[in-house]
Amino acid sequence: MKEVVYRANDRWVGTLCCPACKYVARAWKSSGMSECRPHFYCDHCSNAIFRETDQAISWNEQNAAVLATIASTLPSCPCGGRFAPGANPKCPGCGAPFAHQNDPVTRLSDPHVILLDGACFFGQGEPYRVKIIE
């Protein structure tokens, strides 16, 4: 799989501190200009997916029915988990999810994808793995 490298001091790279074990994880966060919405995380790992078909369905309307339509077509993740509404990136130290401030319906309009170091992104182009270096 293609690897995309980001430097730890890049503008869009930051850290997340796990509330459960205090592990500090590096992560890349897309800008709000990415229009990468909606996106979904795997329920088992920190991989994320964005599909233009989901964007077309939810661009003008975000509600439970739209979310249910999209959720019914979300694929399995290569790790064996499944991409799902409400799933979040997980702590590499203990596996606890990093909580999101919004509910799954509100997240249909959230353009900020958070990719932890080592996570894979499945989008319009070739899938890639994020690597954050010093």
N, C-alpha and C. Protein backbone atom coordinates (compact mmCIF):
# COMPACT_ATOMS: atom_id res chain seq x y z
N MET A 1 0.85 -1.19 0.00
CA MET A 1 0.00 0.00 0.00
C MET A 1 0.89 1.24 0.00
N LYS A 2 0.44 2.23 -0.72
CA LYS A 2 1.14 3.51 -0.77
C LYS A 2 1.22 4.10 0.64
N GLU A 3 2.33 4.78 0.92
CA GLU A 3 2.51 5.42 2.23
C GLU A 3 2.67 6.93 2.02
N VAL A 4 1.92 7.71 2.76
CA VAL A 4 2.03 9.16 2.71
C VAL A 4 2.69 9.62 4.00
N VAL A 5 3.80 10.33 3.85
CA VAL A 5 4.60 10.73 5.01
C VAL A 5 4.33 12.20 5.34
N TYR A 6 4.09 12.44 6.62
CA TYR A 6 3.92 13.80 7.14
C TYR A 6 4.96 14.01 8.24
N ARG A 7 5.49 15.20 8.31
CA ARG A 7 6.41 15.54 9.39
C ARG A 7 5.62 15.93 10.64
N ALA A 8 6.16 15.59 11.79
CA ALA A 8 5.47 15.84 13.06
C ALA A 8 5.18 17.33 13.27
N ASN A 9 5.97 18.20 12.65
CA ASN A 9 5.74 19.64 12.83
C ASN A 9 4.91 20.26 11.70
N ASP A 10 4.35 19.43 10.81
CA ASP A 10 3.48 19.95 9.76
C ASP A 10 2.24 20.59 10.38
N ARG A 11 1.68 21.52 9.67
CA ARG A 11 0.52 22.28 10.15
C ARG A 11 -0.66 21.40 10.57
N TRP A 12 -0.89 20.34 9.84
CA TRP A 12 -2.07 19.52 10.09
C TRP A 12 -1.79 18.31 10.99
N VAL A 13 -0.58 18.21 11.52
CA VAL A 13 -0.24 17.10 12.40
C VAL A 13 -0.28 17.56 13.84
N GLY A 14 -0.89 16.77 14.68
CA GLY A 14 -0.99 17.09 16.11
C GLY A 14 -0.97 15.81 16.92
N THR A 15 -1.42 15.91 18.14
CA THR A 15 -1.47 14.75 19.02
C THR A 15 -2.84 14.61 19.66
N LEU A 16 -3.15 13.40 20.03
CA LEU A 16 -4.36 13.09 20.80
C LEU A 16 -3.90 12.32 22.04
N CYS A 17 -4.40 12.70 23.18
CA CYS A 17 -4.05 12.01 24.42
C CYS A 17 -5.22 11.11 24.82
N CYS A 18 -4.93 9.84 24.96
CA CYS A 18 -5.97 8.86 25.31
C CYS A 18 -6.47 9.13 26.72
N PRO A 19 -7.78 9.29 26.89
CA PRO A 19 -8.33 9.51 28.23
C PRO A 19 -8.23 8.27 29.13
N ALA A 20 -8.10 7.09 28.51
CA ALA A 20 -8.05 5.85 29.30
C ALA A 20 -6.65 5.53 29.81
N CYS A 21 -5.64 5.61 28.92
CA CYS A 21 -4.29 5.18 29.32
C CYS A 21 -3.25 6.30 29.24
N LYS A 22 -3.66 7.46 28.76
CA LYS A 22 -2.78 8.65 28.64
C LYS A 22 -1.73 8.51 27.54
N TYR A 23 -1.84 7.51 26.67
CA TYR A 23 -0.95 7.37 25.53
C TYR A 23 -1.13 8.60 24.65
N VAL A 24 -0.04 9.15 24.15
CA VAL A 24 -0.10 10.31 23.25
C VAL A 24 0.15 9.82 21.83
N ALA A 25 -0.87 9.92 21.00
CA ALA A 25 -0.81 9.44 19.62
C ALA A 25 -0.69 10.61 18.66
N ARG A 26 0.15 10.44 17.66
CA ARG A 26 0.27 11.45 16.61
C ARG A 26 -0.83 11.21 15.59
N ALA A 27 -1.33 12.31 15.03
CA ALA A 27 -2.40 12.19 14.05
C ALA A 27 -2.35 13.34 13.05
N TRP A 28 -2.77 13.04 11.83
CA TRP A 28 -2.94 14.06 10.79
C TRP A 28 -4.43 14.38 10.74
N LYS A 29 -4.77 15.66 10.66
CA LYS A 29 -6.16 16.08 10.59
C LYS A 29 -6.36 16.89 9.32
N SER A 30 -7.33 16.48 8.50
CA SER A 30 -7.59 17.21 7.27
C SER A 30 -8.16 18.59 7.60
N SER A 31 -7.98 19.50 6.67
CA SER A 31 -8.54 20.84 6.86
C SER A 31 -10.02 20.81 6.55
N GLY A 32 -10.73 21.82 6.96
CA GLY A 32 -12.15 21.93 6.66
C GLY A 32 -12.41 22.14 5.18
N MET A 33 -11.38 22.51 4.45
CA MET A 33 -11.52 22.73 3.02
C MET A 33 -11.52 21.41 2.24
N SER A 34 -11.25 20.32 2.89
CA SER A 34 -11.14 19.04 2.19
C SER A 34 -12.47 18.56 1.64
N GLU A 35 -13.57 19.00 2.21
CA GLU A 35 -14.90 18.53 1.83
C GLU A 35 -14.98 17.01 1.83
N CYS A 36 -14.22 16.41 2.71
CA CYS A 36 -14.16 14.95 2.83
C CYS A 36 -15.25 14.50 3.79
N ARG A 37 -16.46 14.77 3.40
CA ARG A 37 -17.59 14.45 4.25
C ARG A 37 -18.67 13.78 3.45
N PRO A 38 -19.31 12.81 4.00
CA PRO A 38 -19.04 12.20 5.29
C PRO A 38 -17.91 11.17 5.17
N HIS A 39 -17.27 10.92 6.26
CA HIS A 39 -16.27 9.87 6.32
C HIS A 39 -16.59 9.01 7.54
N PHE A 40 -16.10 7.79 7.52
CA PHE A 40 -16.41 6.84 8.58
C PHE A 40 -15.16 6.09 8.99
N TYR A 41 -15.09 5.73 10.25
CA TYR A 41 -13.96 4.97 10.78
C TYR A 41 -14.37 3.51 10.96
N CYS A 42 -13.37 2.67 11.01
CA CYS A 42 -13.60 1.25 11.26
C CYS A 42 -13.96 1.05 12.73
N ASP A 43 -14.82 0.09 13.00
CA ASP A 43 -15.23 -0.18 14.39
C ASP A 43 -14.19 -1.02 15.14
N HIS A 44 -13.11 -1.42 14.44
CA HIS A 44 -12.08 -2.25 15.08
C HIS A 44 -10.71 -1.57 15.12
N CYS A 45 -10.38 -0.80 14.08
CA CYS A 45 -9.08 -0.13 14.01
C CYS A 45 -9.30 1.37 13.75
N SER A 46 -8.28 2.07 13.32
CA SER A 46 -8.39 3.52 13.10
C SER A 46 -8.45 3.90 11.63
N ASN A 47 -8.65 2.93 10.74
CA ASN A 47 -8.76 3.23 9.32
C ASN A 47 -10.03 4.04 9.06
N ALA A 48 -9.99 4.81 7.96
CA ALA A 48 -11.14 5.66 7.60
C ALA A 48 -11.47 5.49 6.13
N ILE A 49 -12.73 5.77 5.80
CA ILE A 49 -13.20 5.68 4.42
C ILE A 49 -14.01 6.92 4.08
N PHE A 50 -13.87 7.35 2.81
CA PHE A 50 -14.68 8.43 2.25
C PHE A 50 -15.12 7.97 0.87
N ARG A 51 -16.43 8.08 0.61
CA ARG A 51 -16.96 7.69 -0.70
C ARG A 51 -17.78 8.84 -1.26
N GLU A 52 -17.53 9.18 -2.52
CA GLU A 52 -18.27 10.28 -3.15
C GLU A 52 -19.76 9.98 -3.23
N THR A 53 -20.14 8.71 -3.33
CA THR A 53 -21.56 8.37 -3.37
C THR A 53 -22.25 8.77 -2.07
N ASP A 54 -21.56 8.59 -0.94
CA ASP A 54 -22.12 9.00 0.36
C ASP A 54 -22.27 10.52 0.41
N GLN A 55 -21.28 11.22 -0.16
CA GLN A 55 -21.32 12.68 -0.17
C GLN A 55 -22.52 13.18 -0.99
N ALA A 56 -22.76 12.54 -2.13
CA ALA A 56 -23.89 12.94 -2.97
C ALA A 56 -25.22 12.75 -2.25
N ILE A 57 -25.34 11.67 -1.51
CA ILE A 57 -26.58 11.37 -0.78
C ILE A 57 -26.80 12.37 0.36
N SER A 58 -25.72 12.78 1.02
CA SER A 58 -25.86 13.58 2.25
C SER A 58 -25.52 15.06 2.10
N TRP A 59 -25.17 15.52 0.91
CA TRP A 59 -24.70 16.90 0.74
C TRP A 59 -25.74 17.93 1.19
N ASN A 60 -27.00 17.76 0.80
CA ASN A 60 -28.02 18.75 1.11
C ASN A 60 -28.89 18.40 2.31
N GLU A 61 -28.76 17.19 2.79
CA GLU A 61 -29.63 16.76 3.88
C GLU A 61 -28.91 15.75 4.77
N GLN A 62 -28.90 16.04 6.07
CA GLN A 62 -28.30 15.13 7.03
C GLN A 62 -29.35 14.78 8.07
N ASN A 63 -29.78 13.52 8.05
CA ASN A 63 -30.77 13.06 9.02
C ASN A 63 -30.58 11.56 9.23
N ALA A 64 -31.36 11.00 10.12
CA ALA A 64 -31.22 9.58 10.47
C ALA A 64 -31.47 8.66 9.28
N ALA A 65 -32.42 9.04 8.41
CA ALA A 65 -32.72 8.20 7.25
C ALA A 65 -31.55 8.17 6.26
N VAL A 66 -30.94 9.32 6.04
CA VAL A 66 -29.77 9.40 5.16
C VAL A 66 -28.63 8.57 5.75
N LEU A 67 -28.41 8.71 7.05
CA LEU A 67 -27.35 7.95 7.71
C LEU A 67 -27.61 6.44 7.59
N ALA A 68 -28.84 6.03 7.79
CA ALA A 68 -29.18 4.60 7.69
C ALA A 68 -28.94 4.07 6.27
N THR A 69 -29.27 4.87 5.26
CA THR A 69 -29.04 4.47 3.88
C THR A 69 -27.55 4.25 3.62
N ILE A 70 -26.73 5.20 4.07
CA ILE A 70 -25.29 5.08 3.88
C ILE A 70 -24.74 3.91 4.69
N ALA A 71 -25.16 3.80 5.94
CA ALA A 71 -24.65 2.74 6.83
C ALA A 71 -24.90 1.35 6.26
N SER A 72 -26.01 1.19 5.58
CA SER A 72 -26.35 -0.13 5.04
C SER A 72 -25.42 -0.57 3.91
N THR A 73 -24.66 0.37 3.37
CA THR A 73 -23.76 0.04 2.26
C THR A 73 -22.28 0.15 2.62
N LEU A 74 -21.96 0.50 3.86
CA LEU A 74 -20.55 0.64 4.25
C LEU A 74 -19.88 -0.73 4.22
N PRO A 75 -18.67 -0.78 3.66
CA PRO A 75 -17.99 -2.06 3.51
C PRO A 75 -17.25 -2.50 4.77
N SER A 76 -16.74 -3.70 4.70
CA SER A 76 -15.84 -4.21 5.73
C SER A 76 -14.48 -3.55 5.54
N CYS A 77 -13.73 -3.46 6.61
CA CYS A 77 -12.38 -2.92 6.60
C CYS A 77 -11.42 -4.09 6.36
N PRO A 78 -10.29 -3.86 5.71
CA PRO A 78 -9.33 -4.94 5.52
C PRO A 78 -8.84 -5.59 6.82
N CYS A 79 -8.97 -4.88 7.96
CA CYS A 79 -8.52 -5.45 9.24
C CYS A 79 -9.48 -6.52 9.76
N GLY A 80 -10.67 -6.60 9.17
CA GLY A 80 -11.69 -7.55 9.63
C GLY A 80 -12.85 -6.86 10.32
N GLY A 81 -12.69 -5.58 10.66
CA GLY A 81 -13.78 -4.80 11.24
C GLY A 81 -14.69 -4.29 10.14
N ARG A 82 -15.50 -3.31 10.49
CA ARG A 82 -16.45 -2.73 9.54
C ARG A 82 -16.48 -1.23 9.72
N PHE A 83 -16.54 -0.50 8.61
CA PHE A 83 -16.71 0.95 8.68
C PHE A 83 -18.13 1.21 9.16
N ALA A 84 -18.26 2.11 10.15
CA ALA A 84 -19.57 2.28 10.79
C ALA A 84 -19.78 3.70 11.29
N PRO A 85 -21.02 4.19 11.23
CA PRO A 85 -21.32 5.48 11.84
C PRO A 85 -21.04 5.42 13.34
N GLY A 86 -20.48 6.47 13.86
CA GLY A 86 -20.22 6.52 15.30
C GLY A 86 -18.90 5.90 15.72
N ALA A 87 -18.24 5.18 14.83
CA ALA A 87 -16.92 4.62 15.17
C ALA A 87 -15.89 5.75 15.15
N ASN A 88 -14.83 5.60 15.90
CA ASN A 88 -13.80 6.62 16.04
C ASN A 88 -12.42 6.00 15.94
N PRO A 89 -11.39 6.84 15.71
CA PRO A 89 -10.03 6.32 15.79
C PRO A 89 -9.78 5.75 17.19
N LYS A 90 -8.90 4.75 17.27
CA LYS A 90 -8.63 4.07 18.54
C LYS A 90 -7.21 4.34 19.01
N CYS A 91 -7.03 4.34 20.32
CA CYS A 91 -5.72 4.54 20.92
C CYS A 91 -4.81 3.36 20.54
N PRO A 92 -3.61 3.64 20.01
CA PRO A 92 -2.68 2.56 19.71
C PRO A 92 -2.17 1.84 20.97
N GLY A 93 -2.26 2.50 22.12
CA GLY A 93 -1.77 1.92 23.36
C GLY A 93 -2.73 0.93 24.00
N CYS A 94 -4.02 1.28 24.03
CA CYS A 94 -4.98 0.42 24.74
C CYS A 94 -6.22 0.07 23.91
N GLY A 95 -6.41 0.71 22.77
CA GLY A 95 -7.56 0.40 21.93
C GLY A 95 -8.82 1.19 22.24
N ALA A 96 -8.78 2.03 23.27
CA ALA A 96 -9.96 2.84 23.61
C ALA A 96 -10.22 3.86 22.49
N PRO A 97 -11.49 4.10 22.16
CA PRO A 97 -11.77 5.08 21.12
C PRO A 97 -11.54 6.51 21.61
N PHE A 98 -11.06 7.35 20.69
CA PHE A 98 -10.99 8.78 20.96
C PHE A 98 -12.38 9.34 20.67
N ALA A 99 -13.04 9.84 21.67
CA ALA A 99 -14.43 10.29 21.54
C ALA A 99 -14.56 11.46 20.58
N HIS A 100 -15.68 11.50 19.91
CA HIS A 100 -16.02 12.62 19.03
C HIS A 100 -17.10 13.43 19.73
N GLN A 101 -17.08 14.74 19.55
CA GLN A 101 -18.04 15.60 20.25
C GLN A 101 -19.44 15.56 19.65
N ASN A 102 -19.59 15.04 18.45
CA ASN A 102 -20.90 15.06 17.79
C ASN A 102 -21.48 13.67 17.59
N ASP A 103 -22.79 13.62 17.44
CA ASP A 103 -23.48 12.36 17.17
C ASP A 103 -23.29 11.98 15.70
N PRO A 104 -23.57 10.72 15.33
CA PRO A 104 -23.34 10.27 13.95
C PRO A 104 -24.07 11.07 12.87
N VAL A 105 -25.27 11.54 13.13
CA VAL A 105 -26.00 12.33 12.12
C VAL A 105 -25.29 13.66 11.90
N THR A 106 -24.92 14.34 12.96
CA THR A 106 -24.22 15.62 12.83
C THR A 106 -22.88 15.43 12.13
N ARG A 107 -22.25 14.30 12.35
CA ARG A 107 -20.95 14.03 11.74
C ARG A 107 -21.03 13.84 10.22
N LEU A 108 -22.22 13.69 9.67
CA LEU A 108 -22.35 13.60 8.21
C LEU A 108 -21.79 14.85 7.52
N SER A 109 -21.76 15.97 8.23
CA SER A 109 -21.25 17.22 7.64
C SER A 109 -19.86 17.60 8.16
N ASP A 110 -19.21 16.70 8.89
CA ASP A 110 -17.88 16.97 9.45
C ASP A 110 -16.80 16.66 8.41
N PRO A 111 -16.04 17.67 7.94
CA PRO A 111 -15.02 17.43 6.93
C PRO A 111 -13.66 17.04 7.49
N HIS A 112 -13.49 17.04 8.79
CA HIS A 112 -12.18 16.81 9.41
C HIS A 112 -11.91 15.32 9.66
N VAL A 113 -11.14 14.72 8.76
CA VAL A 113 -10.73 13.34 8.94
C VAL A 113 -9.50 13.32 9.83
N ILE A 114 -9.49 12.47 10.83
CA ILE A 114 -8.33 12.31 11.71
C ILE A 114 -7.72 10.95 11.43
N LEU A 115 -6.46 10.96 10.98
CA LEU A 115 -5.77 9.71 10.68
C LEU A 115 -4.57 9.56 11.59
N LEU A 116 -4.64 8.58 12.47
CA LEU A 116 -3.53 8.30 13.37
C LEU A 116 -2.35 7.74 12.58
N ASP A 117 -1.16 7.93 13.12
CA ASP A 117 0.03 7.35 12.52
C ASP A 117 -0.20 5.85 12.32
N GLY A 118 -0.07 5.38 11.09
CA GLY A 118 -0.27 3.97 10.78
C GLY A 118 -1.64 3.64 10.24
N ALA A 119 -2.59 4.56 10.36
CA ALA A 119 -3.94 4.30 9.86
C ALA A 119 -3.97 4.40 8.33
N CYS A 120 -4.93 3.73 7.74
CA CYS A 120 -5.10 3.75 6.28
C CYS A 120 -6.35 4.55 5.93
N PHE A 121 -6.26 5.19 4.77
CA PHE A 121 -7.39 5.98 4.27
C PHE A 121 -7.83 5.41 2.93
N PHE A 122 -9.12 5.11 2.85
CA PHE A 122 -9.71 4.60 1.64
C PHE A 122 -10.64 5.68 1.11
N GLY A 123 -10.24 6.28 -0.01
CA GLY A 123 -11.01 7.40 -0.56
C GLY A 123 -11.16 7.27 -2.05
N GLN A 124 -11.18 8.44 -2.71
CA GLN A 124 -11.41 8.46 -4.15
C GLN A 124 -10.27 7.80 -4.93
N GLY A 125 -9.05 8.02 -4.51
CA GLY A 125 -7.90 7.49 -5.23
C GLY A 125 -7.38 6.21 -4.60
N GLU A 126 -6.10 5.98 -4.82
CA GLU A 126 -5.44 4.80 -4.28
C GLU A 126 -5.41 4.88 -2.75
N PRO A 127 -5.75 3.80 -2.06
CA PRO A 127 -5.67 3.81 -0.60
C PRO A 127 -4.23 4.07 -0.15
N TYR A 128 -4.10 4.69 1.01
CA TYR A 128 -2.75 4.94 1.53
C TYR A 128 -2.71 4.84 3.04
N ARG A 129 -1.49 4.61 3.55
CA ARG A 129 -1.23 4.53 4.98
C ARG A 129 -0.50 5.80 5.39
N VAL A 130 -0.88 6.37 6.52
CA VAL A 130 -0.24 7.58 7.04
C VAL A 130 0.96 7.21 7.89
N LYS A 131 2.07 7.89 7.64
CA LYS A 131 3.27 7.73 8.45
C LYS A 131 3.70 9.11 8.88
N ILE A 132 3.85 9.29 10.18
CA ILE A 132 4.28 10.58 10.73
C ILE A 132 5.70 10.41 11.26
N ILE A 133 6.58 11.27 10.78
CA ILE A 133 8.00 11.19 11.17
C ILE A 133 8.44 12.49 11.84
N GLU A 134 9.58 12.40 12.54
CA GLU A 134 10.17 13.61 13.14
C GLU A 134 10.62 14.49 12.02
